[in-house]
């Protein structure tokens, strides 16, 4: 990746910045206060819910 960017005239740079846009700043602040293990559990729970919603949508569309 570095060689490709250099060939295109760009210097690769790794940095972090706060999310902007549709993200709720209060929700992000509350999430940062949680322990990493708790954040992981919440993320896995949300992922399972998304999978169940996807499965239900596929079933409703006759794709299951």
Protein backbone atom coordinates (compact mmCIF):
# COMPACT_ATOMS: atom_id res chain seq x y z
CA UNK A 1 0.00 0.00 0.00
CA UNK A 2 2.84 2.37 0.87
CA UNK A 3 4.53 1.81 -2.50
CA UNK A 4 1.26 2.42 -4.35
CA UNK A 5 0.60 5.66 -2.48
CA UNK A 6 4.16 6.84 -3.04
CA UNK A 7 3.85 6.05 -6.75
CA UNK A 8 0.73 8.20 -6.85
CA UNK A 9 2.52 11.07 -5.13
CA UNK A 10 1.04 10.59 -1.66
CA UNK A 11 2.76 10.00 1.64
CA UNK A 12 0.91 7.35 3.65
CA UNK A 13 -0.12 8.66 7.04
CA UNK A 14 -1.83 6.83 9.87
CA UNK A 15 -3.88 9.00 12.20
CA UNK A 16 -7.09 8.94 14.19
CA UNK A 17 -9.81 11.51 14.52
CA UNK A 18 -13.29 11.60 16.04
CA UNK A 19 -16.17 10.47 13.88
CA UNK A 20 -18.36 13.17 12.39
CA UNK A 21 -21.70 13.03 10.68
CA UNK A 22 -24.54 10.78 11.73
CA UNK A 23 -22.91 9.63 14.98
CA UNK A 24 -24.47 10.84 18.20
CA UNK A 25 -21.73 12.52 20.27
CA UNK A 26 -23.50 11.69 23.56
CA UNK A 27 -23.75 8.02 22.60
CA UNK A 28 -20.05 7.95 21.65
CA UNK A 29 -19.08 9.59 24.93
CA UNK A 30 -21.14 7.06 26.89
CA UNK A 31 -19.60 4.19 24.92
CA UNK A 32 -16.08 5.43 25.67
CA UNK A 33 -16.86 5.32 29.40
CA UNK A 34 -17.67 1.58 29.25
CA UNK A 35 -15.07 -1.11 29.82
CA UNK A 36 -13.74 -2.71 26.62
CA UNK A 37 -15.27 -6.09 27.53
CA UNK A 38 -18.69 -4.48 27.94
CA UNK A 39 -18.35 -2.66 24.61
CA UNK A 40 -17.44 -5.95 22.95
CA UNK A 41 -20.50 -7.68 24.44
CA UNK A 42 -22.76 -4.87 23.24
CA UNK A 43 -21.25 -4.98 19.76
CA UNK A 44 -21.70 -8.74 19.52
CA UNK A 45 -25.30 -8.41 20.70
CA UNK A 46 -25.99 -5.76 18.06
CA UNK A 47 -24.38 -7.97 15.42
CA UNK A 48 -26.58 -10.93 16.41
CA UNK A 49 -29.66 -8.69 16.22
CA UNK A 50 -28.65 -7.47 12.76
CA UNK A 51 -28.23 -11.08 11.64
CA UNK A 52 -31.68 -12.02 12.95
CA UNK A 53 -33.23 -9.00 11.20
CA UNK A 54 -31.46 -9.94 7.99
CA UNK A 55 -32.71 -13.53 8.24
CA UNK A 56 -36.27 -12.35 8.94
CA UNK A 57 -36.15 -10.02 5.95
CA UNK A 58 -34.88 -12.77 3.69
CA UNK A 59 -37.62 -15.10 4.94
CA UNK A 60 -40.28 -12.44 4.38
CA UNK A 61 -39.03 -11.97 0.82
CA UNK A 62 -39.12 -15.72 0.18
CA UNK A 63 -35.33 -15.96 -0.06
CA UNK A 64 -34.88 -18.39 2.85
